[in-house]
Amino acid sequence: MELTEDQIKKMDKETLFTYFTTDYPDEEYGAIVSLLFGYYDEKGKTGEDILKFCIDNGKTLDVAYNGAEVPSGATALISVNDGVLYYT
């Protein structure tokens, strides 16, 4: 199911997470979003909070694998299998 950017921005954080991990047409990006499952930082932010922040602020999640550098200006979130999840 493909939704408009406006429809996506109006979703609450839990619905956003479910949409991106189950219904989003770009399965590769959905797999990246799923890496946020169980994320909880020292400030009490969850993976759903991070996803909502990214959507609301035009940020994109990505992963740098196998020692690839996280791009300059990116914010690293968590270590994942042989990589780092970040947003730009």
Protein backbone atom coordinates (compact mmCIF):
# COMPACT_ATOMS: atom_id res chain seq x y z
CA MET A 1 0.00 0.00 0.00
CA GLU A 2 1.53 3.29 -1.07
CA LEU A 3 0.55 6.44 0.79
CA THR A 4 1.24 10.09 0.09
CA GLU A 5 3.92 11.95 2.01
CA ASP A 6 1.18 13.97 3.71
CA GLN A 7 -0.64 10.81 4.85
CA ILE A 8 2.60 9.38 6.19
CA LYS A 9 3.46 12.56 8.13
CA LYS A 10 0.05 12.47 9.86
CA MET A 11 0.62 8.97 11.28
CA ASP A 12 1.48 8.42 14.93
CA LYS A 13 4.85 6.82 15.65
CA GLU A 14 3.55 3.28 16.22
CA THR A 15 1.51 3.28 12.99
CA LEU A 16 4.52 4.67 11.10
CA PHE A 17 6.74 1.85 12.33
CA THR A 18 4.15 -0.78 11.36
CA TYR A 19 3.63 0.81 7.92
CA PHE A 20 7.34 0.94 7.09
CA THR A 21 8.05 -2.59 8.32
CA THR A 22 5.03 -4.31 6.74
CA ASP A 23 3.36 -2.29 3.97
CA TYR A 24 5.96 0.13 2.58
CA PRO A 25 6.63 -0.57 -1.12
CA ASP A 26 10.43 -0.26 -0.78
CA GLU A 27 11.18 -3.51 1.05
CA GLU A 28 14.89 -2.66 1.38
CA TYR A 29 14.08 0.56 3.25
CA GLY A 30 11.52 -1.36 5.34
CA ALA A 31 14.28 -3.77 6.34
CA ILE A 32 16.46 -0.83 7.42
CA VAL A 33 13.58 0.62 9.48
CA SER A 34 13.07 -2.79 11.12
CA LEU A 35 16.58 -2.48 12.61
CA LEU A 36 15.07 0.11 14.96
CA PHE A 37 12.93 -2.59 16.59
CA GLY A 38 13.72 -2.62 20.29
CA TYR A 39 15.85 0.54 20.07
CA TYR A 40 15.83 2.52 23.30
CA ASP A 41 18.44 5.16 24.08
CA GLU A 42 19.65 6.74 27.31
CA LYS A 43 17.23 9.66 26.84
CA GLY A 44 14.24 7.32 26.62
CA LYS A 45 13.83 7.60 22.85
CA THR A 46 12.52 4.50 21.09
CA GLY A 47 12.92 3.31 17.53
CA GLU A 48 9.44 4.62 16.82
CA ASP A 49 10.48 8.06 18.12
CA ILE A 50 13.53 8.07 15.84
CA LEU A 51 11.45 7.07 12.81
CA LYS A 52 8.87 9.79 13.54
CA PHE A 53 11.68 12.34 13.90
CA CYS A 54 13.15 11.27 10.56
CA ILE A 55 9.80 11.50 8.77
CA ASP A 56 8.91 14.86 10.29
CA ASN A 57 12.34 16.33 9.48
CA GLY A 58 13.01 14.85 6.04
CA LYS A 59 15.79 12.56 7.29
CA THR A 60 16.61 9.17 5.77
CA LEU A 61 17.77 6.05 7.60
CA ASP A 62 20.60 3.99 6.14
CA VAL A 63 23.26 1.48 7.15
CA ALA A 64 27.01 1.59 6.63
CA TYR A 65 28.22 -2.03 6.43
CA ASN A 66 31.61 -3.73 6.60
CA GLY A 67 33.60 -0.81 7.93
CA ALA A 68 32.17 1.72 5.51
CA GLU A 69 32.28 5.21 6.94
CA VAL A 70 29.14 6.90 8.17
CA PRO A 71 28.78 9.99 5.95
CA SER A 72 29.86 13.35 7.28
CA GLY A 73 26.95 15.08 8.98
CA ALA A 74 25.10 11.81 9.63
CA THR A 75 23.93 10.80 13.09
CA ALA A 76 24.94 7.28 14.09
CA LEU A 77 22.27 5.45 16.08
CA ILE A 78 23.24 1.85 16.82
CA SER A 79 25.65 -0.87 15.81
CA VAL A 80 24.07 -3.63 13.73
CA ASN A 81 25.55 -6.83 12.26
CA ASP A 82 28.80 -5.63 10.70
CA GLY A 83 27.56 -2.06 10.42
CA VAL A 84 26.08 1.11 11.85
CA LEU A 85 22.51 2.38 11.50
CA TYR A 86 22.41 6.13 10.94
CA TYR A 87 20.27 8.94 9.56
CA THR A 88 21.10 11.87 7.31
